[in-house]
Amino acid sequence: MLKNNNRKNNRLFINSNIRAAKVRCIDQNNNNIGVILKSQALSMAEAVNLDLIQVSEGDIPTCKIVDYGQYKYELSKKEKLQARKQRESLTKIKEIKFRPTTELHDLQIKAKMAGQFIAAGCHVKIIVCFKGRELQHKHLATAKLETFINLIEVGIHKLEDIKTDGKFMSIMLSPANSSKAINKAMRTQTGPYPPLVLDDLRPNIEV
């Protein structure tokens, strides 16, 4: 149990710092004890050398008997997970597609677009689309994909190895410093570039 329990720790009401006279108590085994006096809940916590922590507001707040250090650790893990999910939801994913037979000039144009997306903080999925007998020469497509990656003029990070799924070969790229790019995306929430999917398989490319 915390030695100094007459204070508020990181916005958590703990032990005698809890203001309510009665609390809804959850014991160390997650059993709902019901509404009891705070003094009774504190005695229960002290008996097992744990802390009484308020976990919800209200006229009769809910309090748990837990180890303060472990509780803070679990709370920190949950907050970090929520923050990561928020960052991921703000990270836009763009797709750029081409064929194994795409000429170098067209690859350079697409690589420039990919660089713009990555510079704006987006993740970019590069997809090579096979047709017919092209599947028999996947090694050539791998070389084409590596060539494309080398054409990108900004720093990148490969989020995965090149993988093949049926008629498609792909890899996901992100900015070399993803954390800074994501923070920038979180501040602006919009980028200077409109959504774009480049696809050699369609006669008209929409920008």
C-alpha atoms as a PDB file:
ATOM      1  CA  MET A   1       0.000   0.000   0.000  1.00  0.00           C
ATOM      2  CA  LEU A   2       1.169   3.544  -0.723  1.00  0.00           C
ATOM      3  CA  LYS A   3       2.808   5.136   2.300  1.00  0.00           C
ATOM      4  CA  ASN A   4       1.642   8.632   1.405  1.00  0.00           C
ATOM      5  CA  ASN A   5      -2.019   8.086   0.721  1.00  0.00           C
ATOM      6  CA  ASN A   6      -3.285  11.554   1.589  1.00  0.00           C
ATOM      7  CA  ARG A   7      -2.743  12.980  -1.861  1.00  0.00           C
ATOM      8  CA  LYS A   8      -4.056  12.723  -5.385  1.00  0.00           C
ATOM      9  CA  ASN A   9      -1.732  10.755  -7.682  1.00  0.00           C
ATOM     10  CA  ASN A  10      -1.897  11.642 -11.388  1.00  0.00           C
ATOM     11  CA  ARG A  11      -5.596  12.511 -11.136  1.00  0.00           C
ATOM     12  CA  LEU A  12      -6.436   9.238  -9.400  1.00  0.00           C
ATOM     13  CA  PHE A  13      -8.196   9.313  -6.031  1.00  0.00           C
ATOM     14  CA  ILE A  14      -6.440   6.786  -3.843  1.00  0.00           C
ATOM     15  CA  ASN A  15      -7.005   5.426  -0.323  1.00  0.00           C
ATOM     16  CA  SER A  16      -7.945   8.152   2.214  1.00  0.00           C
ATOM     17  CA  ASN A  17      -7.818  10.743  -0.587  1.00  0.00           C
ATOM     18  CA  ILE A  18     -11.175   9.353  -1.801  1.00  0.00           C
ATOM     19  CA  ARG A  19     -13.773  11.934  -0.756  1.00  0.00           C
ATOM     20  CA  ALA A  20     -16.989   9.900  -0.715  1.00  0.00           C
ATOM     21  CA  ALA A  21     -18.175   8.464   2.592  1.00  0.00           C
ATOM     22  CA  LYS A  22     -19.567   5.376   0.862  1.00  0.00           C
ATOM     23  CA  VAL A  23     -18.188   3.496  -2.122  1.00  0.00           C
ATOM     24  CA  ARG A  24     -19.164   0.605  -4.352  1.00  0.00           C
ATOM     25  CA  CYS A  25     -16.287  -1.770  -3.660  1.00  0.00           C
ATOM     26  CA  ILE A  26     -14.693  -4.292  -6.034  1.00  0.00           C
ATOM     27  CA  ASP A  27     -12.236  -6.532  -4.210  1.00  0.00           C
ATOM     28  CA  GLN A  28      -8.845  -7.826  -5.375  1.00  0.00           C
ATOM     29  CA  ASN A  29     -10.516 -10.884  -6.927  1.00  0.00           C
ATOM     30  CA  ASN A  30     -12.892  -8.666  -8.953  1.00  0.00           C
ATOM     31  CA  ASN A  31     -15.858  -9.567  -6.756  1.00  0.00           C
ATOM     32  CA  ASN A  32     -18.522  -6.893  -6.358  1.00  0.00           C
ATOM     33  CA  ILE A  33     -18.785  -6.363  -2.588  1.00  0.00           C
ATOM     34  CA  GLY A  34     -21.519  -3.743  -2.963  1.00  0.00           C
ATOM     35  CA  VAL A  35     -21.940  -0.358  -1.288  1.00  0.00           C
ATOM     36  CA  ILE A  36     -19.991  -0.072   1.956  1.00  0.00           C
ATOM     37  CA  LEU A  37     -18.368   2.655   4.035  1.00  0.00           C
ATOM     38  CA  LYS A  38     -15.093   3.973   2.680  1.00  0.00           C
ATOM     39  CA  SER A  39     -13.459   3.114   5.988  1.00  0.00           C
ATOM     40  CA  GLN A  40     -14.517  -0.515   5.566  1.00  0.00           C
ATOM     41  CA  ALA A  41     -13.128  -0.621   2.012  1.00  0.00           C
ATOM     42  CA  LEU A  42      -9.846   0.893   3.228  1.00  0.00           C
ATOM     43  CA  SER A  43      -9.594  -1.736   5.970  1.00  0.00           C
ATOM     44  CA  MET A  44     -10.131  -4.473   3.385  1.00  0.00           C
ATOM     45  CA  ALA A  45      -7.376  -3.014   1.192  1.00  0.00           C
ATOM     46  CA  GLU A  46      -4.976  -2.676   4.116  1.00  0.00           C
ATOM     47  CA  ALA A  47      -5.638  -6.274   5.182  1.00  0.00           C
ATOM     48  CA  VAL A  48      -4.228  -7.570   1.869  1.00  0.00           C
ATOM     49  CA  ASN A  49      -1.550  -4.845   1.586  1.00  0.00           C
ATOM     50  CA  LEU A  50      -3.149  -3.272  -1.486  1.00  0.00           C
ATOM     51  CA  ASP A  51      -4.635   0.111  -2.384  1.00  0.00           C
ATOM     52  CA  LEU A  52      -8.162   1.402  -2.778  1.00  0.00           C
ATOM     53  CA  ILE A  53      -8.457   3.292  -6.083  1.00  0.00           C
ATOM     54  CA  GLN A  54     -11.494   5.201  -7.308  1.00  0.00           C
ATOM     55  CA  VAL A  55     -12.259   4.147 -10.888  1.00  0.00           C
ATOM     56  CA  SER A  56     -15.517   6.016 -11.553  1.00  0.00           C
ATOM     57  CA  GLU A  57     -17.312   9.179 -10.508  1.00  0.00           C
ATOM     58  CA  GLY A  58     -20.723   9.525  -8.889  1.00  0.00           C
ATOM     59  CA  ASP A  59     -22.441  10.105  -5.566  1.00  0.00           C
ATOM     60  CA  ILE A  60     -21.318   6.590  -4.694  1.00  0.00           C
ATOM     61  CA  PRO A  61     -18.146   6.066  -6.754  1.00  0.00           C
ATOM     62  CA  THR A  62     -16.833   2.651  -7.696  1.00  0.00           C
ATOM     63  CA  CYS A  63     -13.517   1.762  -6.084  1.00  0.00           C
ATOM     64  CA  LYS A  64     -11.232  -1.217  -6.652  1.00  0.00           C
ATOM     65  CA  ILE A  65      -8.802  -2.931  -4.329  1.00  0.00           C
ATOM     66  CA  VAL A  66      -5.670  -3.296  -6.449  1.00  0.00           C
ATOM     67  CA  ASP A  67      -1.922  -2.833  -6.442  1.00  0.00           C
ATOM     68  CA  TYR A  68      -1.364   0.809  -7.368  1.00  0.00           C
ATOM     69  CA  GLY A  69       1.800   0.132  -9.374  1.00  0.00           C
ATOM     70  CA  GLN A  70       0.194  -2.643 -11.412  1.00  0.00           C
ATOM     71  CA  TYR A  71      -2.939  -0.548 -11.954  1.00  0.00           C
ATOM     72  CA  LYS A  72      -0.888   2.373 -13.269  1.00  0.00           C
ATOM     73  CA  TYR A  73       1.034   0.018 -15.562  1.00  0.00           C
ATOM     74  CA  GLU A  74      -2.146  -1.465 -17.041  1.00  0.00           C
ATOM     75  CA  LEU A  75      -3.668   2.012 -17.395  1.00  0.00           C
ATOM     76  CA  SER A  76      -0.562   3.236 -19.221  1.00  0.00           C
ATOM     77  CA  LYS A  77      -0.679   0.261 -21.604  1.00  0.00           C
ATOM     78  CA  LYS A  78      -4.335   0.971 -22.385  1.00  0.00           C
ATOM     79  CA  GLU A  79      -3.669   4.664 -23.030  1.00  0.00           C
ATOM     80  CA  LYS A  80      -0.754   3.869 -25.351  1.00  0.00           C
ATOM     81  CA  LEU A  81      -2.890   1.381 -27.275  1.00  0.00           C
ATOM     82  CA  GLN A  82      -5.678   3.928 -27.674  1.00  0.00           C
ATOM     83  CA  ALA A  83      -3.176   6.561 -28.833  1.00  0.00           C
ATOM     84  CA  ARG A  84      -1.692   4.139 -31.369  1.00  0.00           C
ATOM     85  CA  LYS A  85      -5.142   3.290 -32.744  1.00  0.00           C
ATOM     86  CA  GLN A  86      -5.905   7.003 -33.037  1.00  0.00           C
ATOM     87  CA  ARG A  87      -2.667   7.614 -34.938  1.00  0.00           C
ATOM     88  CA  GLU A  88      -3.357   4.673 -37.236  1.00  0.00           C
ATOM     89  CA  SER A  89      -6.873   5.933 -37.974  1.00  0.00           C
ATOM     90  CA  LEU A  90      -5.384   9.272 -39.050  1.00  0.00           C
ATOM     91  CA  THR A  91      -2.798   7.639 -41.304  1.00  0.00           C
ATOM     92  CA  LYS A  92      -4.093   7.520 -44.856  1.00  0.00           C
ATOM     93  CA  ILE A  93      -3.221   4.591 -47.096  1.00  0.00           C
ATOM     94  CA  LYS A  94      -2.756   5.193 -50.819  1.00  0.00           C
ATOM     95  CA  GLU A  95      -2.407   2.590 -53.537  1.00  0.00           C
ATOM     96  CA  ILE A  96      -0.277   2.708 -56.662  1.00  0.00           C
ATOM     97  CA  LYS A  97      -0.597  -0.102 -59.203  1.00  0.00           C
ATOM     98  CA  PHE A  98       1.370  -1.067 -62.272  1.00  0.00           C
ATOM     99  CA  ARG A  99       2.071  -4.079 -64.466  1.00  0.00           C
ATOM    100  CA  PRO A 100       5.319  -6.030 -64.847  1.00  0.00           C
ATOM    101  CA  THR A 101       5.509  -4.563 -68.358  1.00  0.00           C
ATOM    102  CA  THR A 102       5.137  -0.909 -67.271  1.00  0.00           C
ATOM    103  CA  GLU A 103       7.813   1.241 -68.899  1.00  0.00           C
ATOM    104  CA  LEU A 104      10.464   3.096 -66.908  1.00  0.00           C
ATOM    105  CA  HIS A 105       9.053   6.538 -67.755  1.00  0.00           C
ATOM    106  CA  ASP A 106       5.634   5.584 -66.351  1.00  0.00           C
ATOM    107  CA  LEU A 107       7.292   4.112 -63.263  1.00  0.00           C
ATOM    108  CA  GLN A 108       9.117   7.396 -62.692  1.00  0.00           C
ATOM    109  CA  ILE A 109       5.815   9.307 -62.794  1.00  0.00           C
ATOM    110  CA  LYS A 110       4.206   6.907 -60.357  1.00  0.00           C
ATOM    111  CA  ALA A 111       7.273   6.951 -58.091  1.00  0.00           C
ATOM    112  CA  LYS A 112       7.046  10.744 -57.945  1.00  0.00           C
ATOM    113  CA  MET A 113       3.411  10.457 -56.849  1.00  0.00           C
ATOM    114  CA  ALA A 114       4.370   7.870 -54.243  1.00  0.00           C
ATOM    115  CA  GLY A 115       7.038  10.246 -52.927  1.00  0.00           C
ATOM    116  CA  GLN A 116       4.467  13.030 -52.607  1.00  0.00           C
ATOM    117  CA  PHE A 117       2.118  10.790 -50.649  1.00  0.00           C
ATOM    118  CA  ILE A 118       4.868   9.613 -48.312  1.00  0.00           C
ATOM    119  CA  ALA A 119       6.113  13.184 -47.797  1.00  0.00           C
ATOM    120  CA  ALA A 120       2.533  14.053 -46.744  1.00  0.00           C
ATOM    121  CA  GLY A 121       2.651  11.333 -44.070  1.00  0.00           C
ATOM    122  CA  CYS A 122       0.674   8.660 -45.909  1.00  0.00           C
ATOM    123  CA  HIS A 123       1.377   4.968 -46.135  1.00  0.00           C
ATOM    124  CA  VAL A 124       1.615   3.739 -49.721  1.00  0.00           C
ATOM    125  CA  LYS A 125       0.794   0.227 -50.895  1.00  0.00           C
ATOM    126  CA  ILE A 126       2.631  -0.613 -54.112  1.00  0.00           C
ATOM    127  CA  ILE A 127       0.897  -3.334 -56.131  1.00  0.00           C
ATOM    128  CA  VAL A 128       2.136  -5.180 -59.204  1.00  0.00           C
ATOM    129  CA  CYS A 129      -0.786  -6.689 -61.105  1.00  0.00           C
ATOM    130  CA  PHE A 130      -0.204  -9.839 -63.189  1.00  0.00           C
ATOM    131  CA  LYS A 131      -2.141 -10.881 -66.256  1.00  0.00           C
ATOM    132  CA  GLY A 132      -2.061 -14.201 -68.059  1.00  0.00           C
ATOM    133  CA  ARG A 133       1.400 -15.715 -68.475  1.00  0.00           C
ATOM    134  CA  GLU A 134       3.042 -12.887 -66.559  1.00  0.00           C
ATOM    135  CA  LEU A 135       2.579 -15.045 -63.464  1.00  0.00           C
ATOM    136  CA  GLN A 136       5.295 -17.338 -64.794  1.00  0.00           C
ATOM    137  CA  HIS A 137       7.886 -14.567 -64.459  1.00  0.00           C
ATOM    138  CA  LYS A 138       7.367 -13.317 -60.920  1.00  0.00           C
ATOM    139  CA  HIS A 139      11.110 -12.789 -60.478  1.00  0.00           C
ATOM    140  CA  LEU A 140      10.953 -10.076 -63.136  1.00  0.00           C
ATOM    141  CA  ALA A 141       8.080  -8.417 -61.272  1.00  0.00           C
ATOM    142  CA  THR A 142      10.113  -8.485 -58.052  1.00  0.00           C
ATOM    143  CA  ALA A 143      12.962  -6.718 -59.837  1.00  0.00           C
ATOM    144  CA  LYS A 144      10.489  -4.163 -61.260  1.00  0.00           C
ATOM    145  CA  LEU A 145       9.103  -3.534 -57.795  1.00  0.00           C
ATOM    146  CA  GLU A 146      12.589  -2.991 -56.352  1.00  0.00           C
ATOM    147  CA  THR A 147      13.349  -0.626 -59.223  1.00  0.00           C
ATOM    148  CA  PHE A 148      10.202   1.332 -58.419  1.00  0.00           C
ATOM    149  CA  ILE A 149      11.119   1.599 -54.738  1.00  0.00           C
ATOM    150  CA  ASN A 150      14.583   2.898 -55.665  1.00  0.00           C
ATOM    151  CA  LEU A 151      12.963   5.590 -57.812  1.00  0.00           C
ATOM    152  CA  ILE A 152      11.173   7.120 -54.818  1.00  0.00           C
ATOM    153  CA  GLU A 153      13.138  10.216 -53.863  1.00  0.00           C
ATOM    154  CA  VAL A 154      12.070  10.573 -50.222  1.00  0.00           C
ATOM    155  CA  GLY A 155      13.037   8.526 -47.174  1.00  0.00           C
ATOM    156  CA  ILE A 156      10.901   5.407 -46.802  1.00  0.00           C
ATOM    157  CA  HIS A 157      10.461   2.510 -44.411  1.00  0.00           C
ATOM    158  CA  LYS A 158       9.330  -0.933 -45.567  1.00  0.00           C
ATOM    159  CA  LEU A 159       6.540  -2.022 -43.242  1.00  0.00           C
ATOM    160  CA  GLU A 160       6.638  -5.552 -44.640  1.00  0.00           C
ATOM    161  CA  ASP A 161       8.489  -7.804 -47.062  1.00  0.00           C
ATOM    162  CA  ILE A 162       7.311  -8.163 -50.634  1.00  0.00           C
ATOM    163  CA  LYS A 163       4.454 -10.653 -50.696  1.00  0.00           C
ATOM    164  CA  THR A 164       2.449 -12.368 -53.430  1.00  0.00           C
ATOM    165  CA  ASP A 165      -1.271 -13.082 -53.298  1.00  0.00           C
ATOM    166  CA  GLY A 166      -2.706 -14.663 -56.440  1.00  0.00           C
ATOM    167  CA  LYS A 167      -2.345 -12.210 -59.309  1.00  0.00           C
ATOM    168  CA  PHE A 168      -0.888  -9.463 -57.145  1.00  0.00           C
ATOM    169  CA  MET A 169       2.512  -8.698 -55.641  1.00  0.00           C
ATOM    170  CA  SER A 170       2.665  -5.907 -53.084  1.00  0.00           C
ATOM    171  CA  ILE A 171       4.597  -4.075 -50.406  1.00  0.00           C
ATOM    172  CA  MET A 172       3.561  -1.386 -47.913  1.00  0.00           C
ATOM    173  CA  LEU A 173       5.770   1.679 -47.471  1.00  0.00           C
ATOM    174  CA  SER A 174       5.688   4.429 -44.861  1.00  0.00           C
ATOM    175  CA  PRO A 175       7.723   7.587 -44.207  1.00  0.00           C
ATOM    176  CA  ALA A 176      11.225   6.896 -42.902  1.00  0.00           C
ATOM    177  CA  ASN A 177      10.269   8.715 -39.678  1.00  0.00           C
ATOM    178  CA  SER A 178       6.687   7.556 -39.276  1.00  0.00           C
ATOM    179  CA  SER A 179       6.143   9.126 -35.853  1.00  0.00           C
ATOM    180  CA  LYS A 180       6.900  12.656 -37.087  1.00  0.00           C
ATOM    181  CA  ALA A 181       4.801  12.157 -40.198  1.00  0.00           C
ATOM    182  CA  ILE A 182       1.873  10.824 -38.172  1.00  0.00           C
ATOM    183  CA  ASN A 183       2.102  13.714 -35.696  1.00  0.00           C
ATOM    184  CA  LYS A 184       2.019  16.111 -38.625  1.00  0.00           C
ATOM    185  CA  ALA A 185      -1.043  14.325 -39.997  1.00  0.00           C
ATOM    186  CA  MET A 186      -2.715  14.533 -36.565  1.00  0.00           C
ATOM    187  CA  ARG A 187      -2.101  18.295 -36.437  1.00  0.00           C
ATOM    188  CA  THR A 188      -3.362  19.062 -39.937  1.00  0.00           C
ATOM    189  CA  GLN A 189      -5.692  16.056 -40.516  1.00  0.00           C
ATOM    190  CA  THR A 190      -5.637  16.966 -44.199  1.00  0.00           C
ATOM    191  CA  GLY A 191      -2.848  16.801 -46.727  1.00  0.00           C
ATOM    192  CA  PRO A 192      -2.042  18.952 -49.731  1.00  0.00           C
ATOM    193  CA  TYR A 193      -2.690  16.035 -52.069  1.00  0.00           C
ATOM    194  CA  PRO A 194      -6.151  14.689 -52.969  1.00  0.00           C
ATOM    195  CA  PRO A 195      -6.909  10.944 -52.821  1.00  0.00           C
ATOM    196  CA  LEU A 196      -5.345   9.180 -55.771  1.00  0.00           C
ATOM    197  CA  VAL A 197      -5.139   5.623 -57.045  1.00  0.00           C
ATOM    198  CA  LEU A 198      -2.986   5.009 -60.085  1.00  0.00           C
ATOM    199  CA  ASP A 199      -3.951   1.863 -61.947  1.00  0.00           C
ATOM    200  CA  ASP A 200      -2.539   0.783 -65.288  1.00  0.00           C
ATOM    201  CA  LEU A 201      -5.466  -1.575 -65.725  1.00  0.00           C
ATOM    202  CA  ARG A 202      -7.951   1.272 -66.272  1.00  0.00           C
ATOM    203  CA  PRO A 203      -7.960   3.465 -69.383  1.00  0.00           C
ATOM    204  CA  ASN A 204      -8.665   6.635 -67.401  1.00  0.00           C
ATOM    205  CA  ILE A 205      -6.612   7.655 -64.368  1.00  0.00           C
ATOM    206  CA  GLU A 206      -8.562   9.726 -61.883  1.00  0.00           C
ATOM    207  CA  VAL A 207      -6.684  12.335 -59.912  1.00  0.00           C
END
